[in-house]
Amino acid sequence: MTWITSQEIDNSHFIVERSRDGKSFSALSDKISSKGLNGNSQSILNYAYTDAYPINGHNYYRLHQEDLDGKVSYSQVVDVYFGNETQVSLYPNPVQNQLTLR
């Protein structure tokens, strides 16, 4: 998960949250501190977090953002699906006269 801020004013930190149902969220990351000086920035700042153990199926993510004064706001929810992807087999290798696709 990556996100960019173009301006930060009194930003304390972010927390990446995840949900199985898109309604009940829990913290996935520790606090990710603002990269802005004292929580303030007028330039683009890049952030990233990797979910090392996604849930099989739908994973709903959002950002919890907290200001220095404790005010909290949330990003839009993003649905990412992890699951049994379709596997393709091609054989024989090397191919001579016929290639089988399964």
N, C-alpha and C. Protein backbone atom coordinates (compact mmCIF):
# COMPACT_ATOMS: atom_id res chain seq x y z
N MET A 1 0.85 -1.15 0.00
CA MET A 1 0.00 0.00 0.00
C MET A 1 0.91 1.22 0.00
N THR A 2 0.63 2.14 -0.92
CA THR A 2 1.37 3.39 -0.96
C THR A 2 0.39 4.55 -0.96
N TRP A 3 0.81 5.66 -0.42
CA TRP A 3 0.00 6.87 -0.46
C TRP A 3 0.92 8.08 -0.44
N ILE A 4 0.37 9.18 -0.91
CA ILE A 4 1.12 10.43 -1.05
C ILE A 4 0.33 11.55 -0.40
N THR A 5 1.02 12.41 0.31
CA THR A 5 0.39 13.63 0.80
C THR A 5 1.01 14.80 0.06
N SER A 6 0.20 15.77 -0.29
CA SER A 6 0.73 16.97 -0.96
C SER A 6 0.91 18.11 0.04
N GLN A 7 0.25 17.99 1.20
CA GLN A 7 0.36 18.99 2.25
C GLN A 7 -0.01 18.31 3.57
N GLU A 8 0.73 18.63 4.61
CA GLU A 8 0.40 18.13 5.94
C GLU A 8 0.43 19.31 6.92
N ILE A 9 -0.61 19.39 7.75
CA ILE A 9 -0.70 20.43 8.76
C ILE A 9 -0.97 19.75 10.10
N ASP A 10 -0.02 19.87 11.02
CA ASP A 10 -0.14 19.28 12.36
C ASP A 10 -0.47 17.79 12.33
N ASN A 11 0.13 17.07 11.40
CA ASN A 11 -0.10 15.62 11.27
C ASN A 11 0.81 14.87 12.23
N SER A 12 0.22 14.00 13.04
CA SER A 12 1.01 13.18 13.95
C SER A 12 1.46 11.89 13.27
N HIS A 13 0.47 11.10 12.79
CA HIS A 13 0.82 9.79 12.24
C HIS A 13 -0.35 9.19 11.45
N PHE A 14 -0.01 8.08 10.78
CA PHE A 14 -0.99 7.25 10.07
C PHE A 14 -0.96 5.86 10.70
N ILE A 15 -2.07 5.14 10.58
CA ILE A 15 -2.12 3.72 10.90
C ILE A 15 -2.89 3.05 9.77
N VAL A 16 -2.33 2.00 9.20
CA VAL A 16 -3.02 1.22 8.17
C VAL A 16 -3.95 0.26 8.90
N GLU A 17 -5.22 0.27 8.50
CA GLU A 17 -6.21 -0.62 9.10
C GLU A 17 -6.75 -1.59 8.06
N ARG A 18 -7.15 -2.78 8.53
CA ARG A 18 -7.68 -3.82 7.63
C ARG A 18 -8.97 -4.38 8.22
N SER A 19 -9.84 -4.85 7.31
CA SER A 19 -11.11 -5.45 7.70
C SER A 19 -11.41 -6.64 6.79
N ARG A 20 -12.12 -7.62 7.32
CA ARG A 20 -12.60 -8.74 6.51
C ARG A 20 -13.91 -8.41 5.82
N ASP A 21 -14.71 -7.53 6.46
CA ASP A 21 -16.05 -7.25 5.94
C ASP A 21 -16.26 -5.82 5.44
N GLY A 22 -15.24 -4.98 5.56
CA GLY A 22 -15.36 -3.59 5.11
C GLY A 22 -16.08 -2.70 6.12
N LYS A 23 -16.39 -3.24 7.29
CA LYS A 23 -17.12 -2.48 8.32
C LYS A 23 -16.35 -2.39 9.63
N SER A 24 -15.85 -3.51 10.11
CA SER A 24 -15.11 -3.56 11.38
C SER A 24 -13.62 -3.60 11.08
N PHE A 25 -12.92 -2.50 11.36
CA PHE A 25 -11.50 -2.38 11.05
C PHE A 25 -10.67 -2.51 12.31
N SER A 26 -9.44 -3.03 12.14
CA SER A 26 -8.48 -3.08 13.23
C SER A 26 -7.12 -2.64 12.68
N ALA A 27 -6.27 -2.17 13.59
CA ALA A 27 -4.95 -1.69 13.19
C ALA A 27 -4.12 -2.83 12.63
N LEU A 28 -3.50 -2.58 11.49
CA LEU A 28 -2.60 -3.55 10.87
C LEU A 28 -1.15 -3.13 11.10
N SER A 29 -0.90 -1.84 11.04
CA SER A 29 0.46 -1.32 11.21
C SER A 29 0.61 -0.66 12.58
N ASP A 30 1.85 -0.43 12.95
CA ASP A 30 2.15 0.45 14.06
C ASP A 30 1.94 1.87 13.57
N LYS A 31 2.13 2.85 14.44
CA LYS A 31 2.04 4.24 14.02
C LYS A 31 3.13 4.54 13.00
N ILE A 32 2.74 5.16 11.89
CA ILE A 32 3.68 5.58 10.86
C ILE A 32 3.76 7.10 10.97
N SER A 33 4.83 7.58 11.56
CA SER A 33 4.96 9.00 11.87
C SER A 33 5.00 9.86 10.61
N SER A 34 4.50 11.08 10.76
CA SER A 34 4.56 12.05 9.68
C SER A 34 6.02 12.30 9.31
N LYS A 35 6.28 12.44 8.03
CA LYS A 35 7.62 12.77 7.55
C LYS A 35 7.84 14.28 7.54
N GLY A 36 6.77 15.04 7.78
CA GLY A 36 6.87 16.49 7.80
C GLY A 36 7.53 16.97 9.08
N LEU A 37 8.25 18.07 9.01
CA LEU A 37 8.90 18.67 10.16
C LEU A 37 7.83 19.12 11.14
N ASN A 38 7.84 18.54 12.34
CA ASN A 38 6.82 18.83 13.36
C ASN A 38 5.40 18.59 12.83
N GLY A 39 5.27 17.62 11.89
CA GLY A 39 3.96 17.27 11.35
C GLY A 39 3.44 18.19 10.26
N ASN A 40 4.32 19.06 9.74
CA ASN A 40 3.92 20.04 8.73
C ASN A 40 4.78 19.91 7.49
N SER A 41 4.14 20.02 6.33
CA SER A 41 4.87 19.96 5.07
C SER A 41 4.04 20.63 3.97
N GLN A 42 4.71 21.32 3.08
CA GLN A 42 4.08 21.92 1.91
C GLN A 42 4.54 21.22 0.63
N SER A 43 5.25 20.10 0.78
CA SER A 43 5.75 19.37 -0.39
C SER A 43 5.19 17.94 -0.37
N ILE A 44 5.37 17.26 -1.48
CA ILE A 44 4.87 15.89 -1.61
C ILE A 44 5.71 14.94 -0.76
N LEU A 45 5.01 14.13 0.04
CA LEU A 45 5.67 13.11 0.86
C LEU A 45 5.09 11.75 0.50
N ASN A 46 5.96 10.76 0.36
CA ASN A 46 5.55 9.41 -0.03
C ASN A 46 5.64 8.47 1.17
N TYR A 47 4.62 7.62 1.30
CA TYR A 47 4.55 6.64 2.37
C TYR A 47 4.24 5.27 1.78
N ALA A 48 4.64 4.22 2.50
CA ALA A 48 4.36 2.86 2.04
C ALA A 48 4.24 1.92 3.22
N TYR A 49 3.42 0.89 3.05
CA TYR A 49 3.30 -0.17 4.04
C TYR A 49 2.93 -1.45 3.29
N THR A 50 3.51 -2.58 3.69
CA THR A 50 3.22 -3.86 3.06
C THR A 50 2.52 -4.78 4.06
N ASP A 51 1.38 -5.32 3.64
CA ASP A 51 0.67 -6.32 4.44
C ASP A 51 1.35 -7.66 4.16
N ALA A 52 2.15 -8.12 5.10
CA ALA A 52 2.92 -9.35 4.90
C ALA A 52 2.05 -10.60 4.94
N TYR A 53 0.87 -10.51 5.56
CA TYR A 53 0.01 -11.68 5.71
C TYR A 53 -1.44 -11.33 5.36
N PRO A 54 -1.73 -11.06 4.09
CA PRO A 54 -3.11 -10.73 3.73
C PRO A 54 -4.04 -11.92 3.95
N ILE A 55 -5.28 -11.61 4.20
CA ILE A 55 -6.32 -12.63 4.39
C ILE A 55 -6.66 -13.22 3.02
N ASN A 56 -6.92 -14.52 2.96
CA ASN A 56 -7.35 -15.12 1.70
C ASN A 56 -8.77 -14.61 1.40
N GLY A 57 -8.94 -13.99 0.25
CA GLY A 57 -10.23 -13.41 -0.12
C GLY A 57 -10.15 -11.89 -0.11
N HIS A 58 -11.24 -11.24 0.24
CA HIS A 58 -11.30 -9.79 0.23
C HIS A 58 -10.61 -9.20 1.46
N ASN A 59 -9.76 -8.21 1.23
CA ASN A 59 -9.11 -7.45 2.28
C ASN A 59 -9.51 -6.00 2.07
N TYR A 60 -10.09 -5.40 3.07
CA TYR A 60 -10.50 -4.00 2.98
C TYR A 60 -9.52 -3.17 3.79
N TYR A 61 -8.94 -2.16 3.16
CA TYR A 61 -7.94 -1.33 3.80
C TYR A 61 -8.40 0.12 3.86
N ARG A 62 -7.95 0.82 4.90
CA ARG A 62 -8.13 2.27 4.99
C ARG A 62 -7.00 2.83 5.83
N LEU A 63 -6.79 4.15 5.69
CA LEU A 63 -5.81 4.86 6.49
C LEU A 63 -6.50 5.60 7.62
N HIS A 64 -5.98 5.45 8.79
CA HIS A 64 -6.37 6.21 9.97
C HIS A 64 -5.31 7.30 10.07
N GLN A 65 -5.71 8.56 10.02
CA GLN A 65 -4.77 9.68 10.12
C GLN A 65 -5.12 10.47 11.36
N GLU A 66 -4.10 10.75 12.17
CA GLU A 66 -4.34 11.47 13.43
C GLU A 66 -3.47 12.72 13.50
N ASP A 67 -4.11 13.83 13.85
CA ASP A 67 -3.40 15.10 14.03
C ASP A 67 -2.73 15.16 15.39
N LEU A 68 -1.85 16.13 15.57
CA LEU A 68 -1.17 16.32 16.85
C LEU A 68 -2.15 16.58 17.99
N ASP A 69 -3.30 17.18 17.69
CA ASP A 69 -4.30 17.48 18.73
C ASP A 69 -5.26 16.31 18.98
N GLY A 70 -5.04 15.16 18.31
CA GLY A 70 -5.86 13.97 18.53
C GLY A 70 -7.02 13.80 17.57
N LYS A 71 -7.27 14.79 16.70
CA LYS A 71 -8.35 14.68 15.72
C LYS A 71 -8.01 13.57 14.72
N VAL A 72 -9.01 12.70 14.47
CA VAL A 72 -8.80 11.54 13.60
C VAL A 72 -9.65 11.67 12.34
N SER A 73 -9.09 11.26 11.20
CA SER A 73 -9.85 11.16 9.96
C SER A 73 -9.44 9.86 9.27
N TYR A 74 -10.30 9.42 8.34
CA TYR A 74 -10.08 8.16 7.64
C TYR A 74 -10.13 8.37 6.13
N SER A 75 -9.35 7.56 5.43
CA SER A 75 -9.37 7.57 3.96
C SER A 75 -10.56 6.77 3.47
N GLN A 76 -10.73 6.77 2.16
CA GLN A 76 -11.71 5.88 1.55
C GLN A 76 -11.24 4.44 1.73
N VAL A 77 -12.16 3.51 1.69
CA VAL A 77 -11.85 2.09 1.83
C VAL A 77 -11.49 1.52 0.46
N VAL A 78 -10.44 0.69 0.44
CA VAL A 78 -10.00 0.03 -0.78
C VAL A 78 -10.12 -1.47 -0.58
N ASP A 79 -10.72 -2.16 -1.55
CA ASP A 79 -10.92 -3.61 -1.50
C ASP A 79 -9.86 -4.27 -2.39
N VAL A 80 -9.04 -5.14 -1.78
CA VAL A 80 -8.02 -5.88 -2.52
C VAL A 80 -8.28 -7.36 -2.30
N TYR A 81 -8.34 -8.13 -3.40
CA TYR A 81 -8.64 -9.56 -3.31
C TYR A 81 -7.35 -10.37 -3.46
N PHE A 82 -7.14 -11.29 -2.52
CA PHE A 82 -6.05 -12.24 -2.59
C PHE A 82 -6.67 -13.63 -2.56
N GLY A 83 -6.25 -14.48 -3.49
CA GLY A 83 -6.86 -15.81 -3.50
C GLY A 83 -6.17 -16.75 -4.44
N ASN A 84 -6.87 -17.83 -4.74
CA ASN A 84 -6.35 -18.84 -5.65
C ASN A 84 -6.45 -18.33 -7.07
N GLU A 85 -5.34 -17.84 -7.58
CA GLU A 85 -5.32 -17.34 -8.95
C GLU A 85 -5.31 -18.52 -9.91
N THR A 86 -5.78 -18.30 -11.09
CA THR A 86 -5.80 -19.33 -12.12
C THR A 86 -4.38 -19.67 -12.53
N GLN A 87 -4.08 -20.95 -12.58
CA GLN A 87 -2.77 -21.40 -13.00
C GLN A 87 -2.84 -21.97 -14.41
N VAL A 88 -1.82 -21.69 -15.18
CA VAL A 88 -1.75 -22.17 -16.56
C VAL A 88 -0.53 -23.05 -16.68
N SER A 89 -0.70 -24.19 -17.34
CA SER A 89 0.42 -25.09 -17.61
C SER A 89 0.60 -25.21 -19.12
N LEU A 90 1.82 -25.09 -19.55
CA LEU A 90 2.18 -25.29 -20.96
C LEU A 90 3.19 -26.42 -21.02
N TYR A 91 2.94 -27.41 -21.88
CA TYR A 91 3.89 -28.51 -22.01
C TYR A 91 3.73 -29.17 -23.35
N PRO A 92 4.69 -29.94 -23.83
CA PRO A 92 6.00 -30.19 -23.24
C PRO A 92 6.95 -29.01 -23.46
N ASN A 93 8.01 -29.02 -22.75
CA ASN A 93 9.03 -27.98 -22.89
C ASN A 93 10.37 -28.69 -23.03
N PRO A 94 11.01 -28.57 -24.14
CA PRO A 94 10.70 -27.71 -25.29
C PRO A 94 9.63 -28.32 -26.18
N VAL A 95 8.95 -27.45 -26.90
CA VAL A 95 7.88 -27.85 -27.83
C VAL A 95 8.51 -28.33 -29.12
N GLN A 96 7.94 -29.44 -29.68
CA GLN A 96 8.42 -29.90 -30.97
C GLN A 96 7.33 -29.72 -32.01
N ASN A 97 6.22 -30.49 -31.93
CA ASN A 97 5.16 -30.40 -32.90
C ASN A 97 3.87 -29.88 -32.31
N GLN A 98 3.64 -30.10 -31.02
CA GLN A 98 2.37 -29.75 -30.40
C GLN A 98 2.60 -29.18 -29.01
N LEU A 99 1.88 -28.09 -28.72
CA LEU A 99 1.93 -27.46 -27.40
C LEU A 99 0.59 -27.69 -26.73
N THR A 100 0.61 -28.14 -25.49
CA THR A 100 -0.62 -28.33 -24.72
C THR A 100 -0.75 -27.22 -23.70
N LEU A 101 -1.92 -26.62 -23.68
CA LEU A 101 -2.24 -25.55 -22.74
C LEU A 101 -3.30 -26.07 -21.78
N ARG A 102 -3.01 -26.08 -20.50
CA ARG A 102 -3.96 -26.58 -19.51
C ARG A 102 -4.13 -25.58 -18.40
